[in-house]
Amino acid sequence: MPSLNSIPFFNATLNGVAQIMLQQNRLTGILFLVGLYYGSAKYAVGAAVGSFVGAFTAKVLKYDAQKTEAGLYGFSAALVGVALFFLFQTSVLLWAFVVLGAIAAAILQNYFIVRKFPAYTFPFVFVSWILFVLLKYTHLASLNTIAEVSTLMPLYVGFTAATNGFGEVIFQSATFSGVLFFVAVFVANPIASLYAFAASYLGGAVAVYFGYNLGEVGLGLFGFNAVLTAIVFSGVQKKDAVWASIGVVVTVGLHLLFARMEIFSNLGGYFTFPFVLGAILTHLAQHVTNPKKETAPANG
């Protein structure tokens, strides 16, 4: 009986989903898909299809085989798949754009990977902006109606706002999905998950301080970019805590700034752009202070 490893792109697809939060772990990828399925089957399928198409594109274009297996061509593609189903009503045409978007994201990811530039999820952000403008303003797809967020905040929101930050990385607001995503990262990297939990909580606390909607804070909408930045710079050394703190503060500041900028509404949202820019600025600061030793992670 053939093993799961013999299924074409099985590892690459699951690793691609896991790499959304910078983890190379099949179980993490499976747990992410379960959390997405809890929100809606279309999100799980969109992520899986996007990651598969990203890996397949890398194979056809003969990109680095090890990086393909590690999921580095799948995570931005997977996010494109989820984002389109989050933003637009499902249709046959939308499925076609999921595939096209995944191909474009994989190609753009490779552009940065071969240049060793830490672009992280920027290919997802850029491709999603382009597709949002194209689909919305040509009326090729209908926008989903987003329910208004409650201003009520339950007593346990301190915990759930932090775990919901994990969920919102992949457009999920359900408490169960957020907790499951936290567990998924913990399985692969306990230190990174705890850093990210604290960062998500900080993002929400700062948003409360500046008077942002409490319901949105409770959903984790001000924590998800901080989650990703904290994971990038997490580690067991004291300097890791310093750089993670700097990166998270920069990212949260950018997140709050972008939340007030109308331009991103016209592009579908700022998505994970505060994380991308915050992480790059932190890497630049590392390079200035210690140019020989500090290097960016491989996840471009």
C-alpha atoms as a PDB file:
ATOM      1  CA  MET A   1       0.000   0.000   0.000  1.00  0.00           C
ATOM      2  CA  PRO A   2       1.523   3.351  -1.014  1.00  0.00           C
ATOM      3  CA  SER A   3       2.393   5.802   1.770  1.00  0.00           C
ATOM      4  CA  LEU A   4       1.119   9.367   1.999  1.00  0.00           C
ATOM      5  CA  ASN A   5       4.612  10.545   1.122  1.00  0.00           C
ATOM      6  CA  SER A   6       4.166   9.006  -2.326  1.00  0.00           C
ATOM      7  CA  ILE A   7       1.272  11.356  -3.101  1.00  0.00           C
ATOM      8  CA  PRO A   8       2.570  14.091  -5.425  1.00  0.00           C
ATOM      9  CA  PHE A   9       3.255  17.353  -3.560  1.00  0.00           C
ATOM     10  CA  PHE A  10       1.756  15.966  -0.327  1.00  0.00           C
ATOM     11  CA  ASN A  11       4.574  17.238   1.888  1.00  0.00           C
ATOM     12  CA  ALA A  12       5.036  20.440  -0.102  1.00  0.00           C
ATOM     13  CA  THR A  13       1.330  21.288   0.130  1.00  0.00           C
ATOM     14  CA  LEU A  14       1.066  20.747   3.895  1.00  0.00           C
ATOM     15  CA  ASN A  15       4.369  22.483   4.548  1.00  0.00           C
ATOM     16  CA  GLY A  16       3.199  25.363   2.378  1.00  0.00           C
ATOM     17  CA  VAL A  17       0.117  25.829   4.555  1.00  0.00           C
ATOM     18  CA  ALA A  18       2.268  25.577   7.711  1.00  0.00           C
ATOM     19  CA  GLN A  19       4.735  28.130   6.337  1.00  0.00           C
ATOM     20  CA  ILE A  20       1.987  30.753   6.557  1.00  0.00           C
ATOM     21  CA  MET A  21       3.280  31.079  10.134  1.00  0.00           C
ATOM     22  CA  LEU A  22       6.867  30.187   9.204  1.00  0.00           C
ATOM     23  CA  GLN A  23       6.708  26.537  10.259  1.00  0.00           C
ATOM     24  CA  GLN A  24       7.884  23.526   8.274  1.00  0.00           C
ATOM     25  CA  ASN A  25       5.694  20.894   9.863  1.00  0.00           C
ATOM     26  CA  ARG A  26       3.045  18.705   8.223  1.00  0.00           C
ATOM     27  CA  LEU A  27       1.000  18.385  11.422  1.00  0.00           C
ATOM     28  CA  THR A  28       0.934  22.159  11.739  1.00  0.00           C
ATOM     29  CA  GLY A  29      -0.336  22.355   8.163  1.00  0.00           C
ATOM     30  CA  ILE A  30      -3.054  19.798   8.893  1.00  0.00           C
ATOM     31  CA  LEU A  31      -4.180  21.680  12.015  1.00  0.00           C
ATOM     32  CA  PHE A  32      -4.320  24.917  10.044  1.00  0.00           C
ATOM     33  CA  LEU A  33      -6.536  23.225   7.453  1.00  0.00           C
ATOM     34  CA  VAL A  34      -8.810  21.860  10.199  1.00  0.00           C
ATOM     35  CA  GLY A  35      -9.137  25.344  11.680  1.00  0.00           C
ATOM     36  CA  LEU A  36      -9.908  26.765   8.254  1.00  0.00           C
ATOM     37  CA  TYR A  37     -12.480  24.044   7.613  1.00  0.00           C
ATOM     38  CA  TYR A  38     -14.173  24.962  10.891  1.00  0.00           C
ATOM     39  CA  GLY A  39     -14.666  28.463   9.506  1.00  0.00           C
ATOM     40  CA  SER A  40     -15.771  27.227   6.097  1.00  0.00           C
ATOM     41  CA  ALA A  41     -14.817  24.349   3.849  1.00  0.00           C
ATOM     42  CA  LYS A  42     -14.029  26.808   1.053  1.00  0.00           C
ATOM     43  CA  TYR A  43     -11.216  28.346   3.125  1.00  0.00           C
ATOM     44  CA  ALA A  44      -9.567  24.987   3.725  1.00  0.00           C
ATOM     45  CA  VAL A  45      -9.897  23.993   0.081  1.00  0.00           C
ATOM     46  CA  GLY A  46      -8.686  27.413  -1.065  1.00  0.00           C
ATOM     47  CA  ALA A  47      -5.571  27.134   1.119  1.00  0.00           C
ATOM     48  CA  ALA A  48      -4.835  23.558   0.043  1.00  0.00           C
ATOM     49  CA  VAL A  49      -5.370  24.305  -3.651  1.00  0.00           C
ATOM     50  CA  GLY A  50      -3.284  27.472  -3.437  1.00  0.00           C
ATOM     51  CA  SER A  51      -0.402  25.685  -1.720  1.00  0.00           C
ATOM     52  CA  PHE A  52      -0.575  22.780  -4.180  1.00  0.00           C
ATOM     53  CA  VAL A  53      -0.596  25.107  -7.183  1.00  0.00           C
ATOM     54  CA  GLY A  54       2.351  27.021  -5.727  1.00  0.00           C
ATOM     55  CA  ALA A  55       4.350  23.801  -5.348  1.00  0.00           C
ATOM     56  CA  PHE A  56       3.305  22.577  -8.790  1.00  0.00           C
ATOM     57  CA  THR A  57       4.352  25.903 -10.340  1.00  0.00           C
ATOM     58  CA  ALA A  58       7.749  25.624  -8.636  1.00  0.00           C
ATOM     59  CA  LYS A  59       8.152  22.101 -10.007  1.00  0.00           C
ATOM     60  CA  VAL A  60       7.221  23.054 -13.567  1.00  0.00           C
ATOM     61  CA  LEU A  61       9.506  26.094 -13.531  1.00  0.00           C
ATOM     62  CA  LYS A  62      12.293  24.024 -11.969  1.00  0.00           C
ATOM     63  CA  TYR A  63      12.711  26.084  -8.829  1.00  0.00           C
ATOM     64  CA  ASP A  64      14.820  24.749  -5.953  1.00  0.00           C
ATOM     65  CA  ALA A  65      13.480  21.275  -5.046  1.00  0.00           C
ATOM     66  CA  GLN A  66      14.321  21.505  -1.350  1.00  0.00           C
ATOM     67  CA  LYS A  67      12.629  24.870  -0.992  1.00  0.00           C
ATOM     68  CA  THR A  68       9.613  23.517  -2.853  1.00  0.00           C
ATOM     69  CA  GLU A  69       9.385  20.545  -0.469  1.00  0.00           C
ATOM     70  CA  ALA A  70       9.756  22.897   2.496  1.00  0.00           C
ATOM     71  CA  GLY A  71       6.646  24.791   1.367  1.00  0.00           C
ATOM     72  CA  LEU A  72       8.340  28.080   0.534  1.00  0.00           C
ATOM     73  CA  TYR A  73       6.413  28.415  -2.726  1.00  0.00           C
ATOM     74  CA  GLY A  74       3.101  27.492  -1.150  1.00  0.00           C
ATOM     75  CA  PHE A  75       2.355  29.819   1.753  1.00  0.00           C
ATOM     76  CA  SER A  76       1.702  33.063  -0.138  1.00  0.00           C
ATOM     77  CA  ALA A  77      -0.240  31.068  -2.736  1.00  0.00           C
ATOM     78  CA  ALA A  78      -2.320  29.469   0.042  1.00  0.00           C
ATOM     79  CA  LEU A  79      -3.086  32.875   1.547  1.00  0.00           C
ATOM     80  CA  VAL A  80      -4.239  34.152  -1.844  1.00  0.00           C
ATOM     81  CA  GLY A  81      -6.676  31.237  -2.012  1.00  0.00           C
ATOM     82  CA  VAL A  82      -8.155  32.019   1.400  1.00  0.00           C
ATOM     83  CA  ALA A  83      -8.219  35.778   0.829  1.00  0.00           C
ATOM     84  CA  LEU A  84     -10.214  35.572  -2.408  1.00  0.00           C
ATOM     85  CA  PHE A  85     -12.882  33.399  -0.807  1.00  0.00           C
ATOM     86  CA  PHE A  86     -12.978  35.712   2.200  1.00  0.00           C
ATOM     87  CA  LEU A  87     -13.414  38.814   0.066  1.00  0.00           C
ATOM     88  CA  PHE A  88     -15.617  37.543  -2.769  1.00  0.00           C
ATOM     89  CA  GLN A  89     -18.618  35.292  -3.285  1.00  0.00           C
ATOM     90  CA  THR A  90     -17.767  31.836  -4.583  1.00  0.00           C
ATOM     91  CA  SER A  91     -18.033  31.259  -8.319  1.00  0.00           C
ATOM     92  CA  VAL A  92     -16.388  29.178 -11.031  1.00  0.00           C
ATOM     93  CA  LEU A  93     -14.547  32.272 -12.239  1.00  0.00           C
ATOM     94  CA  LEU A  94     -13.243  32.948  -8.723  1.00  0.00           C
ATOM     95  CA  TRP A  95     -11.727  29.453  -8.643  1.00  0.00           C
ATOM     96  CA  ALA A  96      -9.858  30.296 -11.829  1.00  0.00           C
ATOM     97  CA  PHE A  97      -8.449  33.420 -10.205  1.00  0.00           C
ATOM     98  CA  VAL A  98      -7.412  31.400  -7.147  1.00  0.00           C
ATOM     99  CA  VAL A  99      -5.272  29.249  -9.433  1.00  0.00           C
ATOM    100  CA  LEU A 100      -3.903  32.221 -11.382  1.00  0.00           C
ATOM    101  CA  GLY A 101      -3.213  34.101  -8.173  1.00  0.00           C
ATOM    102  CA  ALA A 102      -1.392  31.119  -6.675  1.00  0.00           C
ATOM    103  CA  ILE A 103       0.808  30.831  -9.777  1.00  0.00           C
ATOM    104  CA  ALA A 104       1.622  34.546  -9.662  1.00  0.00           C
ATOM    105  CA  ALA A 105       2.395  34.404  -5.933  1.00  0.00           C
ATOM    106  CA  ALA A 106       4.774  31.456  -6.395  1.00  0.00           C
ATOM    107  CA  ILE A 107       6.618  33.192  -9.233  1.00  0.00           C
ATOM    108  CA  LEU A 108       6.940  36.424  -7.249  1.00  0.00           C
ATOM    109  CA  GLN A 109       8.068  34.448  -4.189  1.00  0.00           C
ATOM    110  CA  ASN A 110      10.863  32.913  -6.232  1.00  0.00           C
ATOM    111  CA  TYR A 111      11.954  36.362  -7.398  1.00  0.00           C
ATOM    112  CA  PHE A 112      12.678  37.307  -3.789  1.00  0.00           C
ATOM    113  CA  ILE A 113      14.023  33.904  -2.738  1.00  0.00           C
ATOM    114  CA  VAL A 114      16.752  33.815  -5.399  1.00  0.00           C
ATOM    115  CA  ARG A 115      17.783  37.320  -4.348  1.00  0.00           C
ATOM    116  CA  LYS A 116      17.776  36.277  -0.675  1.00  0.00           C
ATOM    117  CA  PHE A 117      15.460  39.122   0.223  1.00  0.00           C
ATOM    118  CA  PRO A 118      13.090  38.481   3.182  1.00  0.00           C
ATOM    119  CA  ALA A 119       9.814  39.378   1.477  1.00  0.00           C
ATOM    120  CA  TYR A 120       7.810  36.933   3.634  1.00  0.00           C
ATOM    121  CA  THR A 121       4.109  37.223   2.682  1.00  0.00           C
ATOM    122  CA  PHE A 122       4.521  40.240   0.393  1.00  0.00           C
ATOM    123  CA  PRO A 123       3.791  38.159  -2.756  1.00  0.00           C
ATOM    124  CA  PHE A 124       0.423  37.272  -1.199  1.00  0.00           C
ATOM    125  CA  VAL A 125      -0.255  40.906  -0.302  1.00  0.00           C
ATOM    126  CA  PHE A 126       0.699  42.272  -3.720  1.00  0.00           C
ATOM    127  CA  VAL A 127      -1.146  39.626  -5.734  1.00  0.00           C
ATOM    128  CA  SER A 128      -4.250  39.997  -3.548  1.00  0.00           C
ATOM    129  CA  TRP A 129      -4.244  43.769  -4.038  1.00  0.00           C
ATOM    130  CA  ILE A 130      -4.042  43.362  -7.810  1.00  0.00           C
ATOM    131  CA  LEU A 131      -6.772  40.732  -7.924  1.00  0.00           C
ATOM    132  CA  PHE A 132      -9.053  42.697  -5.594  1.00  0.00           C
ATOM    133  CA  VAL A 133      -8.893  45.773  -7.803  1.00  0.00           C
ATOM    134  CA  LEU A 134      -9.353  43.690 -10.950  1.00  0.00           C
ATOM    135  CA  LEU A 135     -12.294  41.635  -9.655  1.00  0.00           C
ATOM    136  CA  LYS A 136     -14.096  44.448  -7.862  1.00  0.00           C
ATOM    137  CA  TYR A 137     -13.830  47.240 -10.401  1.00  0.00           C
ATOM    138  CA  THR A 138     -14.517  45.047 -13.430  1.00  0.00           C
ATOM    139  CA  HIS A 139     -17.429  43.402 -11.587  1.00  0.00           C
ATOM    140  CA  LEU A 140     -16.062  39.943 -12.362  1.00  0.00           C
ATOM    141  CA  ALA A 141     -16.890  38.876  -8.806  1.00  0.00           C
ATOM    142  CA  SER A 142     -19.268  40.075  -6.103  1.00  0.00           C
ATOM    143  CA  LEU A 143     -17.950  41.184  -2.746  1.00  0.00           C
ATOM    144  CA  ASN A 144     -18.912  39.287   0.375  1.00  0.00           C
ATOM    145  CA  THR A 145     -20.917  41.187   2.967  1.00  0.00           C
ATOM    146  CA  ILE A 146     -18.909  41.461   6.165  1.00  0.00           C
ATOM    147  CA  ALA A 147     -21.054  41.446   9.311  1.00  0.00           C
ATOM    148  CA  GLU A 148     -20.677  44.437  11.606  1.00  0.00           C
ATOM    149  CA  VAL A 149     -18.434  43.818  14.583  1.00  0.00           C
ATOM    150  CA  SER A 150     -19.931  44.032  18.067  1.00  0.00           C
ATOM    151  CA  THR A 151     -18.485  46.550  20.533  1.00  0.00           C
ATOM    152  CA  LEU A 152     -19.024  44.139  23.429  1.00  0.00           C
ATOM    153  CA  MET A 153     -15.994  42.476  24.952  1.00  0.00           C
ATOM    154  CA  PRO A 154     -16.378  39.331  27.110  1.00  0.00           C
ATOM    155  CA  LEU A 155     -14.356  38.885  30.299  1.00  0.00           C
ATOM    156  CA  TYR A 156     -12.145  36.233  28.726  1.00  0.00           C
ATOM    157  CA  VAL A 157     -11.199  38.480  25.830  1.00  0.00           C
ATOM    158  CA  GLY A 158      -7.643  38.901  27.121  1.00  0.00           C
ATOM    159  CA  PHE A 159      -6.950  35.266  26.243  1.00  0.00           C
ATOM    160  CA  THR A 160      -9.142  34.911  23.187  1.00  0.00           C
ATOM    161  CA  ALA A 161      -8.020  38.222  21.680  1.00  0.00           C
ATOM    162  CA  ALA A 162      -4.482  36.850  21.783  1.00  0.00           C
ATOM    163  CA  THR A 163      -5.320  33.461  20.264  1.00  0.00           C
ATOM    164  CA  ASN A 164      -7.700  35.097  17.799  1.00  0.00           C
ATOM    165  CA  GLY A 165      -4.675  36.987  16.520  1.00  0.00           C
ATOM    166  CA  PHE A 166      -3.398  33.625  15.284  1.00  0.00           C
ATOM    167  CA  GLY A 167      -6.740  32.986  13.589  1.00  0.00           C
ATOM    168  CA  GLU A 168      -6.827  36.340  11.823  1.00  0.00           C
ATOM    169  CA  VAL A 169      -3.485  35.620  10.147  1.00  0.00           C
ATOM    170  CA  ILE A 170      -5.555  33.341   7.889  1.00  0.00           C
ATOM    171  CA  PHE A 171      -8.799  35.386   7.980  1.00  0.00           C
ATOM    172  CA  GLN A 172     -10.471  33.336  10.732  1.00  0.00           C
ATOM    173  CA  SER A 173     -12.419  34.973  13.574  1.00  0.00           C
ATOM    174  CA  ALA A 174     -13.766  31.859  15.332  1.00  0.00           C
ATOM    175  CA  THR A 175     -12.279  31.291  18.789  1.00  0.00           C
ATOM    176  CA  PHE A 176     -11.805  27.580  18.064  1.00  0.00           C
ATOM    177  CA  SER A 177      -9.747  28.310  14.942  1.00  0.00           C
ATOM    178  CA  GLY A 178      -7.555  30.781  16.791  1.00  0.00           C
ATOM    179  CA  VAL A 179      -6.852  28.357  19.618  1.00  0.00           C
ATOM    180  CA  LEU A 180      -6.166  25.551  17.137  1.00  0.00           C
ATOM    181  CA  PHE A 181      -3.744  27.725  15.167  1.00  0.00           C
ATOM    182  CA  PHE A 182      -1.932  28.588  18.401  1.00  0.00           C
ATOM    183  CA  VAL A 183      -1.663  24.876  19.212  1.00  0.00           C
ATOM    184  CA  ALA A 184      -0.472  24.189  15.656  1.00  0.00           C
ATOM    185  CA  VAL A 185       2.422  26.643  16.019  1.00  0.00           C
ATOM    186  CA  PHE A 186       3.171  25.333  19.533  1.00  0.00           C
ATOM    187  CA  VAL A 187       3.502  21.804  18.131  1.00  0.00           C
ATOM    188  CA  ALA A 188       6.185  22.955  15.715  1.00  0.00           C
ATOM    189  CA  ASN A 189       7.890  25.621  17.816  1.00  0.00           C
ATOM    190  CA  PRO A 190       6.784  26.206  21.445  1.00  0.00           C
ATOM    191  CA  ILE A 191       9.034  29.239  21.934  1.00  0.00           C
ATOM    192  CA  ALA A 192       7.723  30.934  18.800  1.00  0.00           C
ATOM    193  CA  SER A 193       4.110  30.285  19.786  1.00  0.00           C
ATOM    194  CA  LEU A 194       4.575  31.912  23.202  1.00  0.00           C
ATOM    195  CA  TYR A 195       6.345  34.911  21.701  1.00  0.00           C
ATOM    196  CA  ALA A 196       3.496  35.253  19.222  1.00  0.00           C
ATOM    197  CA  PHE A 197       0.829  34.932  21.929  1.00  0.00           C
ATOM    198  CA  ALA A 198       2.411  37.770  23.924  1.00  0.00           C
ATOM    199  CA  ALA A 199       2.777  39.884  20.776  1.00  0.00           C
ATOM    200  CA  SER A 200      -0.858  39.368  19.817  1.00  0.00           C
ATOM    201  CA  TYR A 201      -1.962  40.398  23.303  1.00  0.00           C
ATOM    202  CA  LEU A 202       0.250  43.489  23.122  1.00  0.00           C
ATOM    203  CA  GLY A 203      -1.212  44.490  19.771  1.00  0.00           C
ATOM    204  CA  GLY A 204      -4.723  44.279  21.177  1.00  0.00           C
ATOM    205  CA  ALA A 205      -3.796  46.171  24.357  1.00  0.00           C
ATOM    206  CA  VAL A 206      -2.227  49.019  22.387  1.00  0.00           C
ATOM    207  CA  ALA A 207      -5.311  49.210  20.158  1.00  0.00           C
ATOM    208  CA  VAL A 208      -7.536  49.456  23.253  1.00  0.00           C
ATOM    209  CA  TYR A 209      -5.333  52.228  24.635  1.00  0.00           C
ATOM    210  CA  PHE A 210      -5.741  54.250  21.443  1.00  0.00           C
ATOM    211  CA  GLY A 211      -9.504  53.780  21.452  1.00  0.00           C
ATOM    212  CA  TYR A 212     -10.009  51.278  18.649  1.00  0.00           C
ATOM    213  CA  ASN A 213     -13.210  49.212  18.485  1.00  0.00           C
ATOM    214  CA  LEU A 214     -13.262  46.706  21.350  1.00  0.00           C
ATOM    215  CA  GLY A 215     -15.093  44.110  19.312  1.00  0.00           C
ATOM    216  CA  GLU A 216     -12.418  44.226  16.620  1.00  0.00           C
ATOM    217  CA  VAL A 217      -9.738  43.914  19.285  1.00  0.00           C
ATOM    218  CA  GLY A 218     -11.503  40.858  20.681  1.00  0.00           C
ATOM    219  CA  LEU A 219     -11.502  39.258  17.235  1.00  0.00           C
ATOM    220  CA  GLY A 220      -7.723  39.570  17.074  1.00  0.00           C
ATOM    221  CA  LEU A 221      -7.734  42.118  14.262  1.00  0.00           C
ATOM    222  CA  PHE A 222      -4.936  44.115  15.878  1.00  0.00           C
ATOM    223  CA  GLY A 223      -2.791  41.151  16.804  1.00  0.00           C
ATOM    224  CA  PHE A 224      -2.237  39.043  13.708  1.00  0.00           C
ATOM    225  CA  ASN A 225       0.591  41.048  12.171  1.00  0.00           C
ATOM    226  CA  ALA A 226       2.367  41.109  15.522  1.00  0.00           C
ATOM    227  CA  VAL A 227       2.014  37.306  15.683  1.00  0.00           C
ATOM    228  CA  LEU A 228       4.027  36.861  12.494  1.00  0.00           C
ATOM    229  CA  THR A 229       6.731  39.343  13.444  1.00  0.00           C
ATOM    230  CA  ALA A 230       7.187  37.715  16.854  1.00  0.00           C
ATOM    231  CA  ILE A 231       7.590  34.302  15.213  1.00  0.00           C
ATOM    232  CA  VAL A 232      10.278  35.638  12.855  1.00  0.00           C
ATOM    233  CA  PHE A 233      12.452  37.029  15.653  1.00  0.00           C
ATOM    234  CA  SER A 234      11.676  34.508  18.411  1.00  0.00           C
ATOM    235  CA  GLY A 235      14.466  32.501  19.980  1.00  0.00           C
ATOM    236  CA  VAL A 236      16.032  31.385  23.258  1.00  0.00           C
ATOM    237  CA  GLN A 237      18.718  34.076  23.503  1.00  0.00           C
ATOM    238  CA  LYS A 238      18.297  37.441  25.218  1.00  0.00           C
ATOM    239  CA  LYS A 239      18.983  39.285  21.973  1.00  0.00           C
ATOM    240  CA  ASP A 240      16.079  37.406  20.370  1.00  0.00           C
ATOM    241  CA  ALA A 241      13.711  38.847  22.958  1.00  0.00           C
ATOM    242  CA  VAL A 242      15.116  42.325  22.302  1.00  0.00           C
ATOM    243  CA  TRP A 243      14.734  42.127  18.535  1.00  0.00           C
ATOM    244  CA  ALA A 244      11.330  40.462  18.783  1.00  0.00           C
ATOM    245  CA  SER A 245      10.154  43.293  21.044  1.00  0.00           C
ATOM    246  CA  ILE A 246      11.492  45.942  18.669  1.00  0.00           C
ATOM    247  CA  GLY A 247       9.955  44.204  15.661  1.00  0.00           C
ATOM    248  CA  VAL A 248       6.574  43.800  17.332  1.00  0.00           C
ATOM    249  CA  VAL A 249       6.456  47.443  18.461  1.00  0.00           C
ATOM    250  CA  VAL A 250       7.289  48.618  14.919  1.00  0.00           C
ATOM    251  CA  THR A 251       4.737  46.241  13.411  1.00  0.00           C
ATOM    252  CA  VAL A 252       1.951  47.227  15.813  1.00  0.00           C
ATOM    253  CA  GLY A 253       2.643  50.895  15.102  1.00  0.00           C
ATOM    254  CA  LEU A 254       2.431  50.294  11.353  1.00  0.00           C
ATOM    255  CA  HIS A 255      -0.722  48.210  11.808  1.00  0.00           C
ATOM    256  CA  LEU A 256      -2.484  50.990  13.711  1.00  0.00           C
ATOM    257  CA  LEU A 257      -1.316  53.554  11.145  1.00  0.00           C
ATOM    258  CA  PHE A 258      -2.477  51.506   8.167  1.00  0.00           C
ATOM    259  CA  ALA A 259      -5.821  50.827   9.858  1.00  0.00           C
ATOM    260  CA  ARG A 260      -6.573  54.553   9.495  1.00  0.00           C
ATOM    261  CA  MET A 261      -5.483  54.855   5.870  1.00  0.00           C
ATOM    262  CA  GLU A 262      -8.284  54.828   3.305  1.00  0.00           C
ATOM    263  CA  ILE A 263      -6.036  53.603   0.482  1.00  0.00           C
ATOM    264  CA  PHE A 264      -5.933  50.072   1.873  1.00  0.00           C
ATOM    265  CA  SER A 265      -9.732  49.830   1.868  1.00  0.00           C
ATOM    266  CA  ASN A 266      -9.595  50.389  -1.877  1.00  0.00           C
ATOM    267  CA  LEU A 267      -7.114  47.511  -2.178  1.00  0.00           C
ATOM    268  CA  GLY A 268      -9.113  45.037  -0.078  1.00  0.00           C
ATOM    269  CA  GLY A 269      -7.166  45.671   3.124  1.00  0.00           C
ATOM    270  CA  TYR A 270      -3.617  45.973   4.408  1.00  0.00           C
ATOM    271  CA  PHE A 271      -3.501  42.201   5.044  1.00  0.00           C
ATOM    272  CA  THR A 272      -0.064  41.216   6.411  1.00  0.00           C
ATOM    273  CA  PHE A 273       1.737  44.237   4.973  1.00  0.00           C
ATOM    274  CA  PRO A 274       2.453  45.748   8.437  1.00  0.00           C
ATOM    275  CA  PHE A 275       4.244  42.500   9.308  1.00  0.00           C
ATOM    276  CA  VAL A 276       6.241  42.483   6.077  1.00  0.00           C
ATOM    277  CA  LEU A 277       7.353  46.094   6.446  1.00  0.00           C
ATOM    278  CA  GLY A 278       7.915  45.812  10.198  1.00  0.00           C
ATOM    279  CA  ALA A 279      10.072  42.703   9.803  1.00  0.00           C
ATOM    280  CA  ILE A 280      12.127  44.237   6.980  1.00  0.00           C
ATOM    281  CA  LEU A 281      12.756  47.419   8.996  1.00  0.00           C
ATOM    282  CA  THR A 282      13.824  45.314  11.980  1.00  0.00           C
ATOM    283  CA  HIS A 283      16.195  43.294   9.792  1.00  0.00           C
ATOM    284  CA  LEU A 284      17.678  46.565   8.541  1.00  0.00           C
ATOM    285  CA  ALA A 285      18.189  47.683  12.139  1.00  0.00           C
ATOM    286  CA  GLN A 286      19.904  44.356  12.871  1.00  0.00           C
ATOM    287  CA  HIS A 287      22.163  44.818   9.887  1.00  0.00           C
ATOM    288  CA  VAL A 288      23.131  48.344  10.926  1.00  0.00           C
ATOM    289  CA  THR A 289      23.987  47.284  14.475  1.00  0.00           C
ATOM    290  CA  ASN A 290      25.635  43.968  13.573  1.00  0.00           C
ATOM    291  CA  PRO A 291      26.112  43.629   9.788  1.00  0.00           C
ATOM    292  CA  LYS A 292      28.208  40.454   9.881  1.00  0.00           C
ATOM    293  CA  LYS A 293      26.147  38.245  12.172  1.00  0.00           C
ATOM    294  CA  GLU A 294      22.483  39.067  11.662  1.00  0.00           C
ATOM    295  CA  THR A 295      20.809  37.406   8.700  1.00  0.00           C
ATOM    296  CA  ALA A 296      17.193  37.052   7.640  1.00  0.00           C
ATOM    297  CA  PRO A 297      15.401  33.705   7.833  1.00  0.00           C
ATOM    298  CA  ALA A 298      15.015  31.615   4.697  1.00  0.00           C
ATOM    299  CA  ASN A 299      11.232  32.084   4.562  1.00  0.00           C
ATOM    300  CA  GLY A 300      11.034  34.803   1.941  1.00  0.00           C
END
